[in-house]
C-alpha cells in the first residue's frame, strides 16, 4: 500500500484589521515641546499610539505593517478607505518607539490611554466599526455634558478608541469628529506640577481608582482636547 505524504498547504492568511498607530493633529511641534513632550523626527512617540503634530488636519494614522495588540502581525492588509466616520485615514510606517516600551517624556507621560471620537448616528457608527474589522468590546448608555449618549470601546490594534455617540445631534456633538486624546502618566501629580498653569486640577475619572486632568487649550493650537490620566491599574483577568 502506498502512503500519501501529509498535506503541507498553508491556509490563506486571514485579513487583519487595520491598527491605529498615530493621531495626526494640526498643532505646532513647539506647542507639544512646550508641554514637555520630546518630538523626534516630527513624532511624539508614545506607548500604544503616537502623536504627529504640525499636520494639515486631524486624522488617524494606520499602520502599513507592524505589531497588533497581543503580538500578532497587523497592518493595513485590507483596502483602506480614505475616511472612517468622516475622519481622514492616512497610511503610515510604524516607528520603533511606539512598538516598544518607551521611557516617559519630560512631563512624565508614557503612553496613550485612549482616543475619543464623537458621532451622532449609532447604527452608522456600529456599521463603520465593523467595516474596519474592529470589535466592540464594551457598549454602555450614559450621559455626557447633560446629553444622552452611548459609549463604545473598540480596540484598533494596540490603540483603544472610545466612541461617544449622541442619540441625536446637539450643541456639542453636531457631526463625527476626532475629539480628543487621553494620555497616561506614571505619576499624575508630578505631571500636573510640571505643567503648572497649563493643566487643570486632577479629578476622579470614570474608571474606578483613576484620576484625570485636562490640558488647557486657551492660547494654544493643540487642535484637539488633551487629557492626562493616572496609570491604568489592570484587574486580574482583564484584557486592557
C-alpha atoms as a PDB file:
ATOM      1  CA  UNK A   1       0.000   0.000   0.000  1.00  0.00           C
ATOM      2  CA  UNK A   2       1.302   3.424  -0.944  1.00  0.00           C
ATOM      3  CA  UNK A   3       1.228   6.076   1.746  1.00  0.00           C
ATOM      4  CA  UNK A   4       0.432   9.617   0.636  1.00  0.00           C
ATOM      5  CA  UNK A   5       2.664  12.340   2.116  1.00  0.00           C
ATOM      6  CA  UNK A   6       0.892  14.699   4.535  1.00  0.00           C
ATOM      7  CA  UNK A   7      -0.584  17.845   3.076  1.00  0.00           C
ATOM      8  CA  UNK A   8       1.521  20.904   3.878  1.00  0.00           C
ATOM      9  CA  UNK A   9      -0.687  23.570   2.360  1.00  0.00           C
ATOM     10  CA  UNK A  10      -0.807  26.783   4.374  1.00  0.00           C
ATOM     11  CA  UNK A  11      -4.289  28.237   4.898  1.00  0.00           C
ATOM     12  CA  UNK A  12      -4.861  31.629   3.341  1.00  0.00           C
ATOM     13  CA  UNK A  13      -3.915  34.391   5.732  1.00  0.00           C
ATOM     14  CA  UNK A  14      -6.871  35.994   7.394  1.00  0.00           C
ATOM     15  CA  UNK A  15      -7.459  39.638   6.699  1.00  0.00           C
ATOM     16  CA  UNK A  16      -6.002  41.568   9.600  1.00  0.00           C
ATOM     17  CA  UNK A  17      -7.920  44.606  10.887  1.00  0.00           C
ATOM     18  CA  UNK A  18      -6.089  47.931  10.485  1.00  0.00           C
ATOM     19  CA  UNK A  19      -4.145  49.176  13.502  1.00  0.00           C
ATOM     20  CA  UNK A  20      -4.268  52.839  14.551  1.00  0.00           C
ATOM     21  CA  UNK A  21      -0.717  53.844  15.497  1.00  0.00           C
ATOM     22  CA  UNK A  22      -0.777  57.647  15.154  1.00  0.00           C
ATOM     23  CA  UNK A  23      -3.039  60.616  15.795  1.00  0.00           C
ATOM     24  CA  UNK A  24      -2.344  63.481  13.370  1.00  0.00           C
ATOM     25  CA  UNK A  25      -3.000  66.962  14.742  1.00  0.00           C
ATOM     26  CA  UNK A  26      -2.617  70.441  13.210  1.00  0.00           C
ATOM     27  CA  UNK A  27      -0.972  71.982  16.310  1.00  0.00           C
ATOM     28  CA  UNK A  28       2.652  73.076  16.030  1.00  0.00           C
ATOM     29  CA  UNK A  29       5.613  70.983  17.173  1.00  0.00           C
ATOM     30  CA  UNK A  30       6.604  73.804  19.540  1.00  0.00           C
ATOM     31  CA  UNK A  31       3.257  73.546  21.331  1.00  0.00           C
ATOM     32  CA  UNK A  32       3.864  69.889  22.157  1.00  0.00           C
ATOM     33  CA  UNK A  33       7.515  70.504  23.032  1.00  0.00           C
ATOM     34  CA  UNK A  34       6.492  73.318  25.396  1.00  0.00           C
ATOM     35  CA  UNK A  35       4.212  70.831  27.183  1.00  0.00           C
ATOM     36  CA  UNK A  36       7.221  68.638  27.925  1.00  0.00           C
ATOM     37  CA  UNK A  37       6.993  66.146  25.071  1.00  0.00           C
ATOM     38  CA  UNK A  38      10.066  65.009  23.165  1.00  0.00           C
ATOM     39  CA  UNK A  39       9.439  65.409  19.437  1.00  0.00           C
ATOM     40  CA  UNK A  40      11.735  63.227  17.324  1.00  0.00           C
ATOM     41  CA  UNK A  41      11.538  63.348  13.529  1.00  0.00           C
ATOM     42  CA  UNK A  42       8.180  65.083  13.870  1.00  0.00           C
ATOM     43  CA  UNK A  43       6.631  62.443  16.140  1.00  0.00           C
ATOM     44  CA  UNK A  44       5.702  62.403  19.824  1.00  0.00           C
ATOM     45  CA  UNK A  45       6.368  58.690  20.309  1.00  0.00           C
ATOM     46  CA  UNK A  46       4.209  57.006  22.937  1.00  0.00           C
ATOM     47  CA  UNK A  47       3.064  53.563  24.005  1.00  0.00           C
ATOM     48  CA  UNK A  48       0.083  52.148  22.078  1.00  0.00           C
ATOM     49  CA  UNK A  49      -0.228  55.120  19.713  1.00  0.00           C
ATOM     50  CA  UNK A  50       1.860  58.194  18.922  1.00  0.00           C
ATOM     51  CA  UNK A  51       1.006  61.803  18.095  1.00  0.00           C
ATOM     52  CA  UNK A  52       2.239  63.567  14.961  1.00  0.00           C
ATOM     53  CA  UNK A  53       1.805  67.364  15.222  1.00  0.00           C
ATOM     54  CA  UNK A  54       2.099  70.037  12.529  1.00  0.00           C
ATOM     55  CA  UNK A  55      -0.178  68.168  10.113  1.00  0.00           C
ATOM     56  CA  UNK A  56      -2.742  69.805   7.822  1.00  0.00           C
ATOM     57  CA  UNK A  57      -5.767  68.203   9.503  1.00  0.00           C
ATOM     58  CA  UNK A  58      -6.906  65.859  12.230  1.00  0.00           C
ATOM     59  CA  UNK A  59      -6.520  62.250  11.078  1.00  0.00           C
ATOM     60  CA  UNK A  60      -5.827  58.709  12.246  1.00  0.00           C
ATOM     61  CA  UNK A  61      -2.593  57.094  11.076  1.00  0.00           C
ATOM     62  CA  UNK A  62      -2.999  53.426  10.123  1.00  0.00           C
ATOM     63  CA  UNK A  63      -0.013  51.053  10.160  1.00  0.00           C
ATOM     64  CA  UNK A  64       1.108  49.674   6.813  1.00  0.00           C
ATOM     65  CA  UNK A  65       2.529  46.733   8.817  1.00  0.00           C
ATOM     66  CA  UNK A  66       3.554  46.060  12.367  1.00  0.00           C
ATOM     67  CA  UNK A  67       2.543  44.535  15.686  1.00  0.00           C
ATOM     68  CA  UNK A  68      -1.069  44.148  16.692  1.00  0.00           C
ATOM     69  CA  UNK A  69      -2.365  44.084  20.248  1.00  0.00           C
ATOM     70  CA  UNK A  70      -1.399  40.654  21.542  1.00  0.00           C
ATOM     71  CA  UNK A  71       1.711  40.348  19.353  1.00  0.00           C
ATOM     72  CA  UNK A  72       0.112  39.147  16.115  1.00  0.00           C
ATOM     73  CA  UNK A  73       1.334  40.849  12.962  1.00  0.00           C
ATOM     74  CA  UNK A  74      -1.066  43.531  11.834  1.00  0.00           C
ATOM     75  CA  UNK A  75      -1.405  46.272   9.313  1.00  0.00           C
ATOM     76  CA  UNK A  76      -3.469  47.756   6.541  1.00  0.00           C
ATOM     77  CA  UNK A  77      -3.764  44.396   4.736  1.00  0.00           C
ATOM     78  CA  UNK A  78      -7.268  45.253   3.529  1.00  0.00           C
ATOM     79  CA  UNK A  79      -8.112  48.171   1.291  1.00  0.00           C
ATOM     80  CA  UNK A  80      -8.070  51.271   3.438  1.00  0.00           C
ATOM     81  CA  UNK A  81     -10.875  53.811   2.945  1.00  0.00           C
ATOM     82  CA  UNK A  82      -9.975  57.489   2.750  1.00  0.00           C
ATOM     83  CA  UNK A  83     -12.241  58.268   5.709  1.00  0.00           C
ATOM     84  CA  UNK A  84     -13.784  56.486   8.667  1.00  0.00           C
ATOM     85  CA  UNK A  85     -16.851  58.172  10.187  1.00  0.00           C
ATOM     86  CA  UNK A  86     -15.756  61.262   8.281  1.00  0.00           C
ATOM     87  CA  UNK A  87     -12.292  61.201   9.893  1.00  0.00           C
ATOM     88  CA  UNK A  88      -9.390  61.065   7.409  1.00  0.00           C
ATOM     89  CA  UNK A  89      -7.280  57.885   7.470  1.00  0.00           C
ATOM     90  CA  UNK A  90      -3.608  58.003   6.483  1.00  0.00           C
ATOM     91  CA  UNK A  91      -1.246  55.068   5.897  1.00  0.00           C
ATOM     92  CA  UNK A  92       1.932  55.407   7.970  1.00  0.00           C
ATOM     93  CA  UNK A  93       5.023  53.301   8.615  1.00  0.00           C
ATOM     94  CA  UNK A  94       5.446  52.073  12.200  1.00  0.00           C
ATOM     95  CA  UNK A  95       8.281  53.708  14.116  1.00  0.00           C
ATOM     96  CA  UNK A  96      10.380  51.769  16.575  1.00  0.00           C
ATOM     97  CA  UNK A  97       9.488  53.529  19.800  1.00  0.00           C
ATOM     98  CA  UNK A  98       5.725  53.164  19.530  1.00  0.00           C
ATOM     99  CA  UNK A  99       6.071  49.373  19.256  1.00  0.00           C
ATOM    100  CA  UNK A 100       8.298  49.062  22.348  1.00  0.00           C
ATOM    101  CA  UNK A 101       8.079  50.219  25.943  1.00  0.00           C
ATOM    102  CA  UNK A 102       9.340  53.809  25.840  1.00  0.00           C
ATOM    103  CA  UNK A 103      10.731  55.895  28.636  1.00  0.00           C
ATOM    104  CA  UNK A 104       8.400  58.636  29.835  1.00  0.00           C
ATOM    105  CA  UNK A 105       8.662  62.115  28.359  1.00  0.00           C
ATOM    106  CA  UNK A 106       9.964  65.061  30.396  1.00  0.00           C
ATOM    107  CA  UNK A 107       6.438  65.667  31.675  1.00  0.00           C
ATOM    108  CA  UNK A 108       6.073  62.076  32.892  1.00  0.00           C
ATOM    109  CA  UNK A 109       3.689  60.950  30.132  1.00  0.00           C
ATOM    110  CA  UNK A 110       4.459  57.499  28.770  1.00  0.00           C
ATOM    111  CA  UNK A 111       1.578  56.462  26.519  1.00  0.00           C
ATOM    112  CA  UNK A 112      -1.870  56.985  25.051  1.00  0.00           C
ATOM    113  CA  UNK A 113      -4.701  55.670  27.211  1.00  0.00           C
ATOM    114  CA  UNK A 114      -7.464  56.127  24.621  1.00  0.00           C
ATOM    115  CA  UNK A 115      -8.605  58.212  21.669  1.00  0.00           C
ATOM    116  CA  UNK A 116     -12.029  59.879  21.774  1.00  0.00           C
ATOM    117  CA  UNK A 117     -14.272  60.035  18.696  1.00  0.00           C
ATOM    118  CA  UNK A 118     -17.683  61.764  18.767  1.00  0.00           C
ATOM    119  CA  UNK A 119     -20.510  60.655  16.449  1.00  0.00           C
ATOM    120  CA  UNK A 120     -24.268  61.160  16.063  1.00  0.00           C
ATOM    121  CA  UNK A 121     -25.723  58.008  14.447  1.00  0.00           C
ATOM    122  CA  UNK A 122     -25.410  54.772  16.442  1.00  0.00           C
ATOM    123  CA  UNK A 123     -26.372  52.376  13.635  1.00  0.00           C
ATOM    124  CA  UNK A 124     -23.975  54.028  11.170  1.00  0.00           C
ATOM    125  CA  UNK A 125     -21.252  54.091  13.822  1.00  0.00           C
ATOM    126  CA  UNK A 126     -21.583  50.386  14.601  1.00  0.00           C
ATOM    127  CA  UNK A 127     -21.556  49.574  10.880  1.00  0.00           C
ATOM    128  CA  UNK A 128     -18.429  51.704  10.387  1.00  0.00           C
ATOM    129  CA  UNK A 129     -16.642  49.925  13.243  1.00  0.00           C
ATOM    130  CA  UNK A 130     -17.485  46.507  11.821  1.00  0.00           C
ATOM    131  CA  UNK A 131     -16.460  47.594   8.312  1.00  0.00           C
ATOM    132  CA  UNK A 132     -12.895  48.020   9.603  1.00  0.00           C
ATOM    133  CA  UNK A 133     -12.894  44.559  11.137  1.00  0.00           C
ATOM    134  CA  UNK A 134     -12.790  46.027  14.652  1.00  0.00           C
ATOM    135  CA  UNK A 135     -14.712  44.554  17.567  1.00  0.00           C
ATOM    136  CA  UNK A 136     -16.838  46.492  20.034  1.00  0.00           C
ATOM    137  CA  UNK A 137     -15.537  45.259  23.378  1.00  0.00           C
ATOM    138  CA  UNK A 138     -17.978  47.172  25.538  1.00  0.00           C
ATOM    139  CA  UNK A 139     -21.034  49.351  24.994  1.00  0.00           C
ATOM    140  CA  UNK A 140     -22.983  51.345  27.557  1.00  0.00           C
ATOM    141  CA  UNK A 141     -25.527  54.162  27.707  1.00  0.00           C
ATOM    142  CA  UNK A 142     -24.559  57.179  29.807  1.00  0.00           C
ATOM    143  CA  UNK A 143     -24.851  60.959  29.925  1.00  0.00           C
ATOM    144  CA  UNK A 144     -22.215  63.454  28.880  1.00  0.00           C
ATOM    145  CA  UNK A 145     -22.468  67.233  29.129  1.00  0.00           C
ATOM    146  CA  UNK A 146     -26.131  66.723  30.014  1.00  0.00           C
ATOM    147  CA  UNK A 147     -26.964  64.708  26.882  1.00  0.00           C
ATOM    148  CA  UNK A 148     -27.775  61.016  26.499  1.00  0.00           C
ATOM    149  CA  UNK A 149     -25.019  59.153  24.667  1.00  0.00           C
ATOM    150  CA  UNK A 150     -23.799  55.629  24.047  1.00  0.00           C
ATOM    151  CA  UNK A 151     -20.130  54.835  24.670  1.00  0.00           C
ATOM    152  CA  UNK A 152     -18.488  52.137  22.571  1.00  0.00           C
ATOM    153  CA  UNK A 153     -14.995  50.873  23.395  1.00  0.00           C
ATOM    154  CA  UNK A 154     -13.064  49.477  20.452  1.00  0.00           C
ATOM    155  CA  UNK A 155      -9.544  48.090  20.097  1.00  0.00           C
ATOM    156  CA  UNK A 156      -7.955  49.272  16.838  1.00  0.00           C
ATOM    157  CA  UNK A 157      -4.671  47.427  17.081  1.00  0.00           C
ATOM    158  CA  UNK A 158      -2.985  48.480  20.342  1.00  0.00           C
ATOM    159  CA  UNK A 159      -4.956  51.734  20.414  1.00  0.00           C
ATOM    160  CA  UNK A 160      -8.214  51.940  22.335  1.00  0.00           C
ATOM    161  CA  UNK A 161     -10.971  54.046  20.777  1.00  0.00           C
ATOM    162  CA  UNK A 162     -13.725  55.497  22.941  1.00  0.00           C
ATOM    163  CA  UNK A 163     -16.536  56.263  20.510  1.00  0.00           C
ATOM    164  CA  UNK A 164     -19.192  58.537  22.011  1.00  0.00           C
ATOM    165  CA  UNK A 165     -22.441  58.504  20.043  1.00  0.00           C
ATOM    166  CA  UNK A 166     -25.156  61.058  20.769  1.00  0.00           C
ATOM    167  CA  UNK A 167     -28.759  59.913  20.404  1.00  0.00           C
ATOM    168  CA  UNK A 168     -29.251  62.988  18.232  1.00  0.00           C
ATOM    169  CA  UNK A 169     -27.094  65.976  17.204  1.00  0.00           C
ATOM    170  CA  UNK A 170     -26.697  68.571  19.960  1.00  0.00           C
ATOM    171  CA  UNK A 171     -24.711  71.740  20.599  1.00  0.00           C
ATOM    172  CA  UNK A 172     -21.604  69.738  21.497  1.00  0.00           C
ATOM    173  CA  UNK A 173     -21.804  66.860  19.005  1.00  0.00           C
ATOM    174  CA  UNK A 174     -23.086  68.027  15.625  1.00  0.00           C
ATOM    175  CA  UNK A 175     -21.153  65.648  13.370  1.00  0.00           C
ATOM    176  CA  UNK A 176     -18.496  62.926  13.653  1.00  0.00           C
ATOM    177  CA  UNK A 177     -15.194  64.327  14.887  1.00  0.00           C
ATOM    178  CA  UNK A 178     -11.844  63.189  16.254  1.00  0.00           C
ATOM    179  CA  UNK A 179     -12.426  64.975  19.543  1.00  0.00           C
ATOM    180  CA  UNK A 180      -9.504  64.228  21.830  1.00  0.00           C
ATOM    181  CA  UNK A 181      -6.782  62.007  23.197  1.00  0.00           C
ATOM    182  CA  UNK A 182      -6.248  60.864  26.771  1.00  0.00           C
ATOM    183  CA  UNK A 183      -2.649  60.196  27.727  1.00  0.00           C
ATOM    184  CA  UNK A 184      -1.278  58.197  30.666  1.00  0.00           C
ATOM    185  CA  UNK A 185       1.398  59.408  33.082  1.00  0.00           C
ATOM    186  CA  UNK A 186       3.406  57.349  35.547  1.00  0.00           C
ATOM    187  CA  UNK A 187       2.726  59.948  38.274  1.00  0.00           C
ATOM    188  CA  UNK A 188      -0.167  62.305  37.520  1.00  0.00           C
ATOM    189  CA  UNK A 189       0.609  64.625  40.428  1.00  0.00           C
ATOM    190  CA  UNK A 190       4.193  65.066  39.212  1.00  0.00           C
ATOM    191  CA  UNK A 191       2.951  65.745  35.675  1.00  0.00           C
ATOM    192  CA  UNK A 192       0.463  68.349  36.915  1.00  0.00           C
ATOM    193  CA  UNK A 193       3.218  70.011  38.942  1.00  0.00           C
ATOM    194  CA  UNK A 194       5.476  70.053  35.852  1.00  0.00           C
ATOM    195  CA  UNK A 195       2.782  71.649  33.663  1.00  0.00           C
ATOM    196  CA  UNK A 196       1.596  74.161  36.258  1.00  0.00           C
ATOM    197  CA  UNK A 197      -0.985  76.603  34.889  1.00  0.00           C
ATOM    198  CA  UNK A 198      -1.120  74.742  31.579  1.00  0.00           C
ATOM    199  CA  UNK A 199      -3.287  71.971  33.062  1.00  0.00           C
ATOM    200  CA  UNK A 200      -6.350  71.812  35.301  1.00  0.00           C
ATOM    201  CA  UNK A 201      -6.539  70.167  38.706  1.00  0.00           C
ATOM    202  CA  UNK A 202      -6.843  66.360  38.803  1.00  0.00           C
ATOM    203  CA  UNK A 203     -10.320  64.932  39.405  1.00  0.00           C
ATOM    204  CA  UNK A 204     -11.775  61.449  39.670  1.00  0.00           C
ATOM    205  CA  UNK A 205     -12.034  59.673  36.319  1.00  0.00           C
ATOM    206  CA  UNK A 206     -14.908  57.449  35.210  1.00  0.00           C
ATOM    207  CA  UNK A 207     -12.603  54.436  35.595  1.00  0.00           C
ATOM    208  CA  UNK A 208     -12.595  53.382  39.239  1.00  0.00           C
ATOM    209  CA  UNK A 209      -9.432  54.314  41.109  1.00  0.00           C
ATOM    210  CA  UNK A 210      -8.078  56.610  38.398  1.00  0.00           C
ATOM    211  CA  UNK A 211      -7.794  60.390  38.101  1.00  0.00           C
ATOM    212  CA  UNK A 212      -7.672  62.725  35.122  1.00  0.00           C
ATOM    213  CA  UNK A 213      -6.586  66.309  34.412  1.00  0.00           C
ATOM    214  CA  UNK A 214      -7.328  68.343  31.274  1.00  0.00           C
ATOM    215  CA  UNK A 215      -4.684  70.363  29.439  1.00  0.00           C
ATOM    216  CA  UNK A 216      -5.815  73.968  28.984  1.00  0.00           C
ATOM    217  CA  UNK A 217      -6.187  74.775  25.274  1.00  0.00           C
ATOM    218  CA  UNK A 218      -6.695  78.523  25.594  1.00  0.00           C
ATOM    219  CA  UNK A 219      -3.859  80.346  23.858  1.00  0.00           C
ATOM    220  CA  UNK A 220      -2.549  77.169  22.215  1.00  0.00           C
ATOM    221  CA  UNK A 221      -3.012  75.478  18.841  1.00  0.00           C
ATOM    222  CA  UNK A 222      -3.327  71.913  20.157  1.00  0.00           C
ATOM    223  CA  UNK A 223      -6.098  71.160  17.654  1.00  0.00           C
ATOM    224  CA  UNK A 224      -7.993  68.732  19.916  1.00  0.00           C
ATOM    225  CA  UNK A 225      -8.773  68.050  23.560  1.00  0.00           C
ATOM    226  CA  UNK A 226      -5.885  66.555  25.548  1.00  0.00           C
ATOM    227  CA  UNK A 227      -6.246  64.951  28.967  1.00  0.00           C
ATOM    228  CA  UNK A 228      -3.709  63.136  31.122  1.00  0.00           C
ATOM    229  CA  UNK A 229      -4.655  60.231  33.381  1.00  0.00           C
ATOM    230  CA  UNK A 230      -3.102  58.362  36.271  1.00  0.00           C
ATOM    231  CA  UNK A 231      -1.758  54.880  35.436  1.00  0.00           C
ATOM    232  CA  UNK A 232      -4.132  52.116  34.414  1.00  0.00           C
ATOM    233  CA  UNK A 233      -4.421  49.513  37.147  1.00  0.00           C
ATOM    234  CA  UNK A 234      -5.254  46.332  35.271  1.00  0.00           C
ATOM    235  CA  UNK A 235      -7.507  43.942  37.129  1.00  0.00           C
ATOM    236  CA  UNK A 236      -6.550  40.240  37.160  1.00  0.00           C
ATOM    237  CA  UNK A 237      -8.041  38.536  34.126  1.00  0.00           C
ATOM    238  CA  UNK A 238      -8.858  41.767  32.287  1.00  0.00           C
ATOM    239  CA  UNK A 239      -7.672  42.363  28.722  1.00  0.00           C
ATOM    240  CA  UNK A 240      -6.684  46.000  28.870  1.00  0.00           C
END
